[in-house]
Amino acid sequence: MDSRTIIIGNIVGLVGSALMVVIGLIKTKKKILIVQIVQTAVFALSNFILGGVSGVIVNAVTVIRNVFVLKKPFTLPAKLFFIAAQVVLAFLFRSEGIIYWLPVMAGCIFTYFLDSENDMVIKIAIAFAQAMWAVYDFSIMNFTTFAFDVFAIISNIVGIVLLNKERHTDST
């Protein structure tokens, strides 16, 4: 891959990364999902530019899943459909090696916990999934996104602390 492609992919990834960090500071599920729709569409483009097939798959399914969740109840059959879609598409496009399966595993984890009514659970799922994305992004030379993966993990931890503090303040 030439350096110009890497730079363009990283610039596009930087835009998605800025949105990713903002998500860590958002407190409500609906707002998280809306911002994540835009963010994952931008990341799909960045992954495409950098040749990250499994990243494109997971981000595309994530956009569709989040639009669905905003409009309809996220039932168990819907949850299983979106988890299966990520896995099946990754198999069809021959994602090989553990690193290339990390986005799929991250997407499945987040999808599994997405219907939680507990904003704290969603933030923890995001932080855990983001750690998997960090390894993947580094492997496809998406260095700006890798750096922001780390920042997003930190911002989600801050969001968790703030939610926890808010809950303790509300209960007194």
N, C-alpha and C. Protein backbone atom coordinates (compact mmCIF):
# COMPACT_ATOMS: atom_id res chain seq x y z
N MET A 1 0.86 -1.17 0.00
CA MET A 1 0.00 0.00 0.00
C MET A 1 0.90 1.23 0.00
N ASP A 2 0.57 2.20 -0.85
CA ASP A 2 1.42 3.39 -0.92
C ASP A 2 1.11 4.37 0.21
N SER A 3 2.04 5.26 0.46
CA SER A 3 1.92 6.18 1.59
C SER A 3 0.75 7.15 1.41
N ARG A 4 0.42 7.51 0.18
CA ARG A 4 -0.70 8.42 -0.05
C ARG A 4 -2.02 7.77 0.40
N THR A 5 -2.19 6.49 0.09
CA THR A 5 -3.40 5.76 0.50
C THR A 5 -3.47 5.69 2.03
N ILE A 6 -2.35 5.42 2.66
CA ILE A 6 -2.32 5.35 4.13
C ILE A 6 -2.68 6.71 4.72
N ILE A 7 -2.16 7.79 4.17
CA ILE A 7 -2.47 9.13 4.68
C ILE A 7 -3.94 9.46 4.50
N ILE A 8 -4.50 9.18 3.33
CA ILE A 8 -5.92 9.46 3.08
C ILE A 8 -6.79 8.63 4.02
N GLY A 9 -6.49 7.35 4.15
CA GLY A 9 -7.24 6.48 5.06
C GLY A 9 -7.18 6.98 6.49
N ASN A 10 -6.02 7.49 6.90
CA ASN A 10 -5.86 8.00 8.25
C ASN A 10 -6.58 9.33 8.46
N ILE A 11 -6.64 10.16 7.44
CA ILE A 11 -7.39 11.42 7.54
C ILE A 11 -8.88 11.13 7.70
N VAL A 12 -9.39 10.21 6.89
CA VAL A 12 -10.80 9.83 7.01
C VAL A 12 -11.03 9.20 8.39
N GLY A 13 -10.12 8.36 8.82
CA GLY A 13 -10.22 7.75 10.14
C GLY A 13 -10.20 8.79 11.26
N LEU A 14 -9.45 9.87 11.06
CA LEU A 14 -9.40 10.94 12.06
C LEU A 14 -10.77 11.58 12.27
N VAL A 15 -11.51 11.76 11.20
CA VAL A 15 -12.87 12.32 11.31
C VAL A 15 -13.76 11.38 12.13
N GLY A 16 -13.74 10.09 11.80
CA GLY A 16 -14.50 9.12 12.58
C GLY A 16 -14.04 9.05 14.01
N SER A 17 -12.74 9.20 14.20
CA SER A 17 -12.18 9.13 15.55
C SER A 17 -12.67 10.27 16.44
N ALA A 18 -12.77 11.46 15.87
CA ALA A 18 -13.27 12.59 16.65
C ALA A 18 -14.69 12.30 17.14
N LEU A 19 -15.50 11.70 16.28
CA LEU A 19 -16.86 11.33 16.69
C LEU A 19 -16.84 10.24 17.76
N MET A 20 -15.91 9.31 17.64
CA MET A 20 -15.80 8.21 18.60
C MET A 20 -15.52 8.73 20.00
N VAL A 21 -14.65 9.72 20.11
CA VAL A 21 -14.33 10.27 21.42
C VAL A 21 -15.55 10.97 22.01
N VAL A 22 -16.27 11.68 21.18
CA VAL A 22 -17.49 12.36 21.65
C VAL A 22 -18.48 11.35 22.24
N ILE A 23 -18.59 10.17 21.60
CA ILE A 23 -19.51 9.14 22.08
C ILE A 23 -19.21 8.76 23.53
N GLY A 24 -17.95 8.73 23.90
CA GLY A 24 -17.58 8.38 25.26
C GLY A 24 -18.12 9.33 26.30
N LEU A 25 -18.44 10.54 25.89
CA LEU A 25 -18.95 11.54 26.83
C LEU A 25 -20.47 11.68 26.81
N ILE A 26 -21.12 11.00 25.88
CA ILE A 26 -22.58 11.06 25.77
C ILE A 26 -23.19 10.10 26.78
N LYS A 27 -24.24 10.54 27.43
CA LYS A 27 -24.81 9.76 28.52
C LYS A 27 -26.03 8.92 28.14
N THR A 28 -26.71 9.23 27.04
CA THR A 28 -27.93 8.49 26.74
C THR A 28 -27.76 7.57 25.53
N LYS A 29 -28.45 6.46 25.58
CA LYS A 29 -28.36 5.43 24.55
C LYS A 29 -28.75 5.97 23.18
N LYS A 30 -29.84 6.72 23.10
CA LYS A 30 -30.31 7.22 21.81
C LYS A 30 -29.27 8.13 21.15
N LYS A 31 -28.71 9.04 21.91
CA LYS A 31 -27.71 9.94 21.35
C LYS A 31 -26.44 9.18 20.97
N ILE A 32 -26.07 8.19 21.77
CA ILE A 32 -24.90 7.36 21.43
C ILE A 32 -25.12 6.70 20.07
N LEU A 33 -26.30 6.13 19.86
CA LEU A 33 -26.59 5.43 18.61
C LEU A 33 -26.59 6.35 17.41
N ILE A 34 -27.15 7.54 17.55
CA ILE A 34 -27.21 8.49 16.44
C ILE A 34 -25.80 8.91 16.01
N VAL A 35 -24.97 9.27 16.97
CA VAL A 35 -23.60 9.67 16.64
C VAL A 35 -22.82 8.47 16.09
N GLN A 36 -23.09 7.28 16.63
CA GLN A 36 -22.37 6.11 16.18
C GLN A 36 -22.72 5.73 14.73
N ILE A 37 -23.91 6.04 14.28
CA ILE A 37 -24.28 5.78 12.87
C ILE A 37 -23.35 6.55 11.94
N VAL A 38 -23.17 7.82 12.22
CA VAL A 38 -22.28 8.65 11.40
C VAL A 38 -20.84 8.16 11.54
N GLN A 39 -20.42 7.93 12.77
CA GLN A 39 -19.05 7.50 13.04
C GLN A 39 -18.71 6.21 12.30
N THR A 40 -19.58 5.23 12.38
CA THR A 40 -19.26 3.93 11.77
C THR A 40 -19.30 4.00 10.24
N ALA A 41 -20.11 4.88 9.67
CA ALA A 41 -20.09 5.06 8.22
C ALA A 41 -18.74 5.64 7.79
N VAL A 42 -18.24 6.60 8.54
CA VAL A 42 -16.93 7.19 8.24
C VAL A 42 -15.83 6.14 8.42
N PHE A 43 -15.92 5.35 9.48
CA PHE A 43 -14.92 4.30 9.69
C PHE A 43 -14.96 3.23 8.59
N ALA A 44 -16.15 2.91 8.10
CA ALA A 44 -16.25 1.95 7.00
C ALA A 44 -15.47 2.46 5.79
N LEU A 45 -15.58 3.73 5.50
CA LEU A 45 -14.84 4.33 4.40
C LEU A 45 -13.33 4.26 4.66
N SER A 46 -12.92 4.61 5.85
CA SER A 46 -11.50 4.54 6.21
C SER A 46 -10.97 3.12 6.09
N ASN A 47 -11.73 2.15 6.62
CA ASN A 47 -11.31 0.74 6.51
C ASN A 47 -11.22 0.31 5.05
N PHE A 48 -12.16 0.74 4.24
CA PHE A 48 -12.14 0.41 2.81
C PHE A 48 -10.86 0.94 2.15
N ILE A 49 -10.54 2.19 2.42
CA ILE A 49 -9.35 2.81 1.84
C ILE A 49 -8.09 2.04 2.25
N LEU A 50 -8.04 1.58 3.50
CA LEU A 50 -6.86 0.89 4.02
C LEU A 50 -6.90 -0.63 3.83
N GLY A 51 -7.93 -1.13 3.15
CA GLY A 51 -8.00 -2.56 2.87
C GLY A 51 -8.47 -3.42 4.02
N GLY A 52 -9.14 -2.83 4.99
CA GLY A 52 -9.63 -3.57 6.15
C GLY A 52 -11.02 -4.13 5.91
N VAL A 53 -11.09 -5.27 5.25
CA VAL A 53 -12.37 -5.85 4.84
C VAL A 53 -13.28 -6.14 6.04
N SER A 54 -12.76 -6.78 7.07
CA SER A 54 -13.64 -7.10 8.20
C SER A 54 -14.13 -5.83 8.90
N GLY A 55 -13.31 -4.78 8.89
CA GLY A 55 -13.75 -3.50 9.44
C GLY A 55 -14.89 -2.90 8.64
N VAL A 56 -14.81 -2.99 7.32
CA VAL A 56 -15.90 -2.49 6.46
C VAL A 56 -17.18 -3.26 6.77
N ILE A 57 -17.08 -4.58 6.86
CA ILE A 57 -18.25 -5.43 7.12
C ILE A 57 -18.92 -5.04 8.43
N VAL A 58 -18.13 -5.00 9.49
CA VAL A 58 -18.70 -4.72 10.81
C VAL A 58 -19.29 -3.32 10.87
N ASN A 59 -18.59 -2.34 10.31
CA ASN A 59 -19.12 -0.98 10.34
C ASN A 59 -20.39 -0.83 9.52
N ALA A 60 -20.47 -1.50 8.38
CA ALA A 60 -21.69 -1.44 7.57
C ALA A 60 -22.86 -2.07 8.30
N VAL A 61 -22.64 -3.23 8.90
CA VAL A 61 -23.70 -3.89 9.67
C VAL A 61 -24.09 -3.02 10.87
N THR A 62 -23.12 -2.36 11.47
CA THR A 62 -23.40 -1.50 12.63
C THR A 62 -24.30 -0.33 12.25
N VAL A 63 -24.05 0.28 11.11
CA VAL A 63 -24.91 1.38 10.65
C VAL A 63 -26.35 0.89 10.50
N ILE A 64 -26.53 -0.24 9.83
CA ILE A 64 -27.87 -0.79 9.61
C ILE A 64 -28.52 -1.17 10.94
N ARG A 65 -27.74 -1.79 11.82
CA ARG A 65 -28.27 -2.21 13.12
C ARG A 65 -28.72 -1.00 13.94
N ASN A 66 -27.91 0.04 13.98
CA ASN A 66 -28.26 1.20 14.79
C ASN A 66 -29.48 1.94 14.26
N VAL A 67 -29.62 2.02 12.95
CA VAL A 67 -30.83 2.62 12.37
C VAL A 67 -32.04 1.77 12.77
N PHE A 68 -31.91 0.46 12.70
CA PHE A 68 -32.98 -0.46 13.10
C PHE A 68 -33.36 -0.23 14.57
N VAL A 69 -32.35 -0.17 15.44
CA VAL A 69 -32.59 -0.04 16.88
C VAL A 69 -33.27 1.30 17.22
N LEU A 70 -32.97 2.33 16.47
CA LEU A 70 -33.62 3.61 16.72
C LEU A 70 -35.10 3.59 16.34
N LYS A 71 -35.48 2.70 15.42
CA LYS A 71 -36.85 2.68 14.91
C LYS A 71 -37.71 1.56 15.46
N LYS A 72 -37.10 0.46 15.86
CA LYS A 72 -37.87 -0.71 16.27
C LYS A 72 -37.28 -1.31 17.54
N PRO A 73 -38.10 -2.07 18.26
CA PRO A 73 -37.57 -2.75 19.45
C PRO A 73 -36.48 -3.75 19.04
N PHE A 74 -35.46 -3.81 19.84
CA PHE A 74 -34.33 -4.70 19.56
C PHE A 74 -34.60 -6.04 20.24
N THR A 75 -35.35 -6.86 19.55
CA THR A 75 -35.75 -8.16 20.08
C THR A 75 -34.60 -9.16 19.98
N LEU A 76 -34.74 -10.27 20.66
CA LEU A 76 -33.71 -11.32 20.59
C LEU A 76 -33.51 -11.80 19.15
N PRO A 77 -34.57 -12.05 18.37
CA PRO A 77 -34.33 -12.45 16.97
C PRO A 77 -33.55 -11.39 16.18
N ALA A 78 -33.84 -10.12 16.40
CA ALA A 78 -33.11 -9.06 15.70
C ALA A 78 -31.65 -9.05 16.13
N LYS A 79 -31.42 -9.18 17.41
CA LYS A 79 -30.06 -9.21 17.94
C LYS A 79 -29.27 -10.37 17.31
N LEU A 80 -29.88 -11.54 17.28
CA LEU A 80 -29.21 -12.71 16.71
C LEU A 80 -28.98 -12.55 15.22
N PHE A 81 -29.92 -11.91 14.52
CA PHE A 81 -29.76 -11.64 13.09
C PHE A 81 -28.52 -10.79 12.83
N PHE A 82 -28.37 -9.69 13.57
CA PHE A 82 -27.25 -8.79 13.34
C PHE A 82 -25.92 -9.42 13.76
N ILE A 83 -25.92 -10.21 14.80
CA ILE A 83 -24.70 -10.93 15.18
C ILE A 83 -24.34 -11.92 14.09
N ALA A 84 -25.32 -12.69 13.62
CA ALA A 84 -25.08 -13.68 12.56
C ALA A 84 -24.63 -13.00 11.26
N ALA A 85 -25.21 -11.86 10.94
CA ALA A 85 -24.86 -11.16 9.70
C ALA A 85 -23.37 -10.81 9.68
N GLN A 86 -22.86 -10.33 10.80
CA GLN A 86 -21.44 -9.98 10.87
C GLN A 86 -20.56 -11.20 10.67
N VAL A 87 -20.91 -12.29 11.34
CA VAL A 87 -20.10 -13.51 11.26
C VAL A 87 -20.17 -14.12 9.86
N VAL A 88 -21.37 -14.22 9.31
CA VAL A 88 -21.54 -14.82 7.98
C VAL A 88 -20.81 -14.00 6.92
N LEU A 89 -20.98 -12.69 6.96
CA LEU A 89 -20.30 -11.84 5.97
C LEU A 89 -18.78 -11.93 6.10
N ALA A 90 -18.29 -12.02 7.33
CA ALA A 90 -16.84 -12.17 7.52
C ALA A 90 -16.35 -13.48 6.92
N PHE A 91 -17.13 -14.55 7.10
CA PHE A 91 -16.77 -15.83 6.48
C PHE A 91 -16.81 -15.73 4.96
N LEU A 92 -17.85 -15.11 4.43
CA LEU A 92 -18.00 -14.99 2.98
C LEU A 92 -16.85 -14.21 2.34
N PHE A 93 -16.38 -13.19 3.05
CA PHE A 93 -15.29 -12.37 2.52
C PHE A 93 -13.92 -12.84 3.01
N ARG A 94 -13.91 -14.04 3.59
CA ARG A 94 -12.68 -14.73 3.97
C ARG A 94 -11.78 -13.93 4.92
N SER A 95 -12.35 -13.42 5.99
CA SER A 95 -11.53 -12.76 7.01
C SER A 95 -10.72 -13.84 7.72
N GLU A 96 -9.42 -13.78 7.56
CA GLU A 96 -8.56 -14.82 8.10
C GLU A 96 -7.65 -14.26 9.17
N GLY A 97 -7.39 -15.06 10.19
CA GLY A 97 -6.50 -14.67 11.27
C GLY A 97 -7.25 -13.98 12.38
N ILE A 98 -6.75 -14.15 13.59
CA ILE A 98 -7.44 -13.61 14.77
C ILE A 98 -7.57 -12.09 14.71
N ILE A 99 -6.56 -11.40 14.20
CA ILE A 99 -6.63 -9.93 14.15
C ILE A 99 -7.79 -9.48 13.28
N TYR A 100 -8.03 -10.19 12.20
CA TYR A 100 -9.10 -9.78 11.29
C TYR A 100 -10.48 -10.16 11.81
N TRP A 101 -10.53 -11.01 12.81
CA TRP A 101 -11.80 -11.35 13.46
C TRP A 101 -12.09 -10.43 14.65
N LEU A 102 -11.13 -9.64 15.09
CA LEU A 102 -11.36 -8.76 16.24
C LEU A 102 -12.53 -7.79 16.02
N PRO A 103 -12.65 -7.13 14.87
CA PRO A 103 -13.82 -6.26 14.68
C PRO A 103 -15.14 -7.03 14.75
N VAL A 104 -15.13 -8.25 14.23
CA VAL A 104 -16.35 -9.06 14.25
C VAL A 104 -16.70 -9.41 15.71
N MET A 105 -15.70 -9.82 16.47
CA MET A 105 -15.96 -10.13 17.88
C MET A 105 -16.42 -8.89 18.64
N ALA A 106 -15.78 -7.75 18.36
CA ALA A 106 -16.17 -6.50 19.01
C ALA A 106 -17.61 -6.13 18.65
N GLY A 107 -17.95 -6.27 17.38
CA GLY A 107 -19.31 -5.97 16.93
C GLY A 107 -20.34 -6.88 17.57
N CYS A 108 -20.00 -8.16 17.70
CA CYS A 108 -20.92 -9.11 18.33
C CYS A 108 -21.12 -8.80 19.81
N ILE A 109 -20.04 -8.44 20.50
CA ILE A 109 -20.14 -8.08 21.93
C ILE A 109 -21.03 -6.86 22.10
N PHE A 110 -20.77 -5.83 21.31
CA PHE A 110 -21.57 -4.62 21.44
C PHE A 110 -23.03 -4.89 21.08
N THR A 111 -23.26 -5.66 20.02
CA THR A 111 -24.63 -5.99 19.62
C THR A 111 -25.34 -6.75 20.73
N TYR A 112 -24.66 -7.66 21.37
CA TYR A 112 -25.27 -8.45 22.43
C TYR A 112 -25.75 -7.56 23.58
N PHE A 113 -24.97 -6.54 23.92
CA PHE A 113 -25.31 -5.69 25.06
C PHE A 113 -26.09 -4.43 24.67
N LEU A 114 -26.32 -4.23 23.40
CA LEU A 114 -26.96 -3.02 22.92
C LEU A 114 -28.36 -2.80 23.49
N ASP A 115 -29.09 -3.86 23.75
CA ASP A 115 -30.46 -3.69 24.25
C ASP A 115 -30.54 -3.50 25.75
N SER A 116 -29.41 -3.38 26.38
CA SER A 116 -29.39 -3.14 27.82
C SER A 116 -30.02 -1.78 28.13
N GLU A 117 -30.82 -1.74 29.14
CA GLU A 117 -31.40 -0.47 29.59
C GLU A 117 -30.41 0.31 30.46
N ASN A 118 -29.32 -0.32 30.79
CA ASN A 118 -28.32 0.26 31.67
C ASN A 118 -27.24 0.94 30.83
N ASP A 119 -27.20 2.28 30.86
CA ASP A 119 -26.20 3.03 30.10
C ASP A 119 -24.78 2.63 30.49
N MET A 120 -24.60 2.24 31.74
CA MET A 120 -23.28 1.82 32.22
C MET A 120 -22.82 0.56 31.49
N VAL A 121 -23.73 -0.39 31.29
CA VAL A 121 -23.40 -1.63 30.58
C VAL A 121 -22.97 -1.31 29.15
N ILE A 122 -23.68 -0.40 28.51
CA ILE A 122 -23.35 -0.02 27.14
C ILE A 122 -21.96 0.60 27.08
N LYS A 123 -21.64 1.47 28.01
CA LYS A 123 -20.33 2.12 28.04
C LYS A 123 -19.21 1.09 28.27
N ILE A 124 -19.44 0.13 29.15
CA ILE A 124 -18.44 -0.91 29.39
C ILE A 124 -18.26 -1.76 28.13
N ALA A 125 -19.34 -2.10 27.46
CA ALA A 125 -19.25 -2.88 26.22
C ALA A 125 -18.47 -2.10 25.16
N ILE A 126 -18.72 -0.81 25.06
CA ILE A 126 -17.99 0.03 24.10
C ILE A 126 -16.50 0.01 24.41
N ALA A 127 -16.15 0.20 25.67
CA ALA A 127 -14.73 0.24 26.05
C ALA A 127 -14.04 -1.09 25.73
N PHE A 128 -14.69 -2.19 26.04
CA PHE A 128 -14.11 -3.52 25.78
C PHE A 128 -13.97 -3.75 24.27
N ALA A 129 -15.01 -3.44 23.51
CA ALA A 129 -14.96 -3.61 22.07
C ALA A 129 -13.90 -2.69 21.45
N GLN A 130 -13.76 -1.52 21.99
CA GLN A 130 -12.78 -0.56 21.46
C GLN A 130 -11.36 -1.08 21.59
N ALA A 131 -11.09 -1.83 22.65
CA ALA A 131 -9.76 -2.41 22.82
C ALA A 131 -9.46 -3.38 21.66
N MET A 132 -10.46 -4.14 21.24
CA MET A 132 -10.27 -5.04 20.11
C MET A 132 -10.03 -4.27 18.81
N TRP A 133 -10.80 -3.19 18.64
CA TRP A 133 -10.60 -2.36 17.45
C TRP A 133 -9.21 -1.73 17.44
N ALA A 134 -8.67 -1.39 18.60
CA ALA A 134 -7.34 -0.77 18.65
C ALA A 134 -6.29 -1.68 18.02
N VAL A 135 -6.33 -2.94 18.37
CA VAL A 135 -5.38 -3.90 17.80
C VAL A 135 -5.57 -4.00 16.29
N TYR A 136 -6.81 -4.10 15.86
CA TYR A 136 -7.11 -4.21 14.43
C TYR A 136 -6.65 -2.96 13.67
N ASP A 137 -7.00 -1.78 14.19
CA ASP A 137 -6.64 -0.55 13.50
C ASP A 137 -5.13 -0.41 13.34
N PHE A 138 -4.39 -0.77 14.37
CA PHE A 138 -2.93 -0.72 14.26
C PHE A 138 -2.46 -1.66 13.15
N SER A 139 -3.07 -2.84 13.07
CA SER A 139 -2.64 -3.84 12.08
C SER A 139 -2.89 -3.40 10.64
N ILE A 140 -3.91 -2.55 10.40
CA ILE A 140 -4.17 -2.08 9.03
C ILE A 140 -3.58 -0.69 8.79
N MET A 141 -2.71 -0.25 9.70
CA MET A 141 -2.01 1.04 9.61
C MET A 141 -2.96 2.24 9.70
N ASN A 142 -4.04 2.08 10.43
CA ASN A 142 -4.95 3.19 10.69
C ASN A 142 -4.53 3.81 12.01
N PHE A 143 -3.40 4.52 11.97
CA PHE A 143 -2.74 4.99 13.18
C PHE A 143 -3.51 6.08 13.90
N THR A 144 -4.17 6.98 13.14
CA THR A 144 -4.96 8.01 13.82
C THR A 144 -6.11 7.36 14.59
N THR A 145 -6.74 6.39 13.97
CA THR A 145 -7.86 5.72 14.63
C THR A 145 -7.37 4.90 15.82
N PHE A 146 -6.22 4.26 15.68
CA PHE A 146 -5.64 3.53 16.80
C PHE A 146 -5.44 4.45 18.00
N ALA A 147 -4.85 5.62 17.76
CA ALA A 147 -4.62 6.56 18.87
C ALA A 147 -5.94 6.96 19.50
N PHE A 148 -6.93 7.22 18.68
CA PHE A 148 -8.22 7.62 19.22
C PHE A 148 -8.98 6.46 19.84
N ASP A 149 -8.69 5.22 19.42
CA ASP A 149 -9.25 4.06 20.13
C ASP A 149 -8.86 4.15 21.60
N VAL A 150 -7.60 4.45 21.83
CA VAL A 150 -7.11 4.57 23.20
C VAL A 150 -7.82 5.72 23.91
N PHE A 151 -7.95 6.85 23.22
CA PHE A 151 -8.66 7.99 23.82
C PHE A 151 -10.12 7.65 24.12
N ALA A 152 -10.77 6.90 23.23
CA ALA A 152 -12.17 6.52 23.44
C ALA A 152 -12.31 5.59 24.64
N ILE A 153 -11.38 4.70 24.81
CA ILE A 153 -11.42 3.83 25.99
C ILE A 153 -11.35 4.69 27.24
N ILE A 154 -10.45 5.65 27.25
CA ILE A 154 -10.31 6.55 28.41
C ILE A 154 -11.58 7.38 28.60
N SER A 155 -12.13 7.93 27.51
CA SER A 155 -13.34 8.76 27.65
C SER A 155 -14.52 7.94 28.13
N ASN A 156 -14.61 6.68 27.72
CA ASN A 156 -15.69 5.82 28.22
C ASN A 156 -15.51 5.53 29.70
N ILE A 157 -14.29 5.38 30.14
CA ILE A 157 -14.05 5.19 31.57
C ILE A 157 -14.47 6.43 32.33
N VAL A 158 -14.14 7.62 31.79
CA VAL A 158 -14.60 8.87 32.40
C VAL A 158 -16.13 8.92 32.42
N GLY A 159 -16.76 8.55 31.31
CA GLY A 159 -18.23 8.52 31.24
C GLY A 159 -18.82 7.57 32.27
N ILE A 160 -18.18 6.44 32.47
CA ILE A 160 -18.64 5.47 33.48
C ILE A 160 -18.55 6.09 34.87
N VAL A 161 -17.44 6.75 35.14
CA VAL A 161 -17.27 7.40 36.45
C VAL A 161 -18.32 8.48 36.65
N LEU A 162 -18.56 9.30 35.61
CA LEU A 162 -19.57 10.36 35.71
C LEU A 162 -20.98 9.79 35.91
N LEU A 163 -21.32 8.73 35.17
CA LEU A 163 -22.62 8.09 35.36
C LEU A 163 -22.76 7.54 36.77
N ASN A 164 -21.71 6.92 37.25
CA ASN A 164 -21.71 6.35 38.59
C ASN A 164 -21.88 7.46 39.64
N LYS A 165 -21.17 8.56 39.45
CA LYS A 165 -21.27 9.70 40.37
C LYS A 165 -22.67 10.29 40.33
N GLU A 166 -23.24 10.42 39.13
CA GLU A 166 -24.59 10.96 38.96
C GLU A 166 -25.62 10.07 39.66
N ARG A 167 -25.46 8.77 39.52
CA ARG A 167 -26.38 7.83 40.16
C ARG A 167 -26.29 7.91 41.68
N HIS A 168 -25.09 8.08 42.20
CA HIS A 168 -24.93 8.21 43.65
C HIS A 168 -25.49 9.53 44.15
N THR A 169 -25.34 10.60 43.35
CA THR A 169 -25.91 11.90 43.72
C THR A 169 -27.43 11.85 43.69
N ASP A 170 -28.00 11.20 42.68
CA ASP A 170 -29.45 11.09 42.56
C ASP A 170 -30.07 10.24 43.68
N SER A 171 -29.31 9.28 44.20
CA SER A 171 -29.87 8.38 45.23
C SER A 171 -29.79 8.99 46.63
N THR A 172 -29.09 10.13 46.77
CA THR A 172 -29.01 10.74 48.10
C THR A 172 -29.99 11.85 48.27
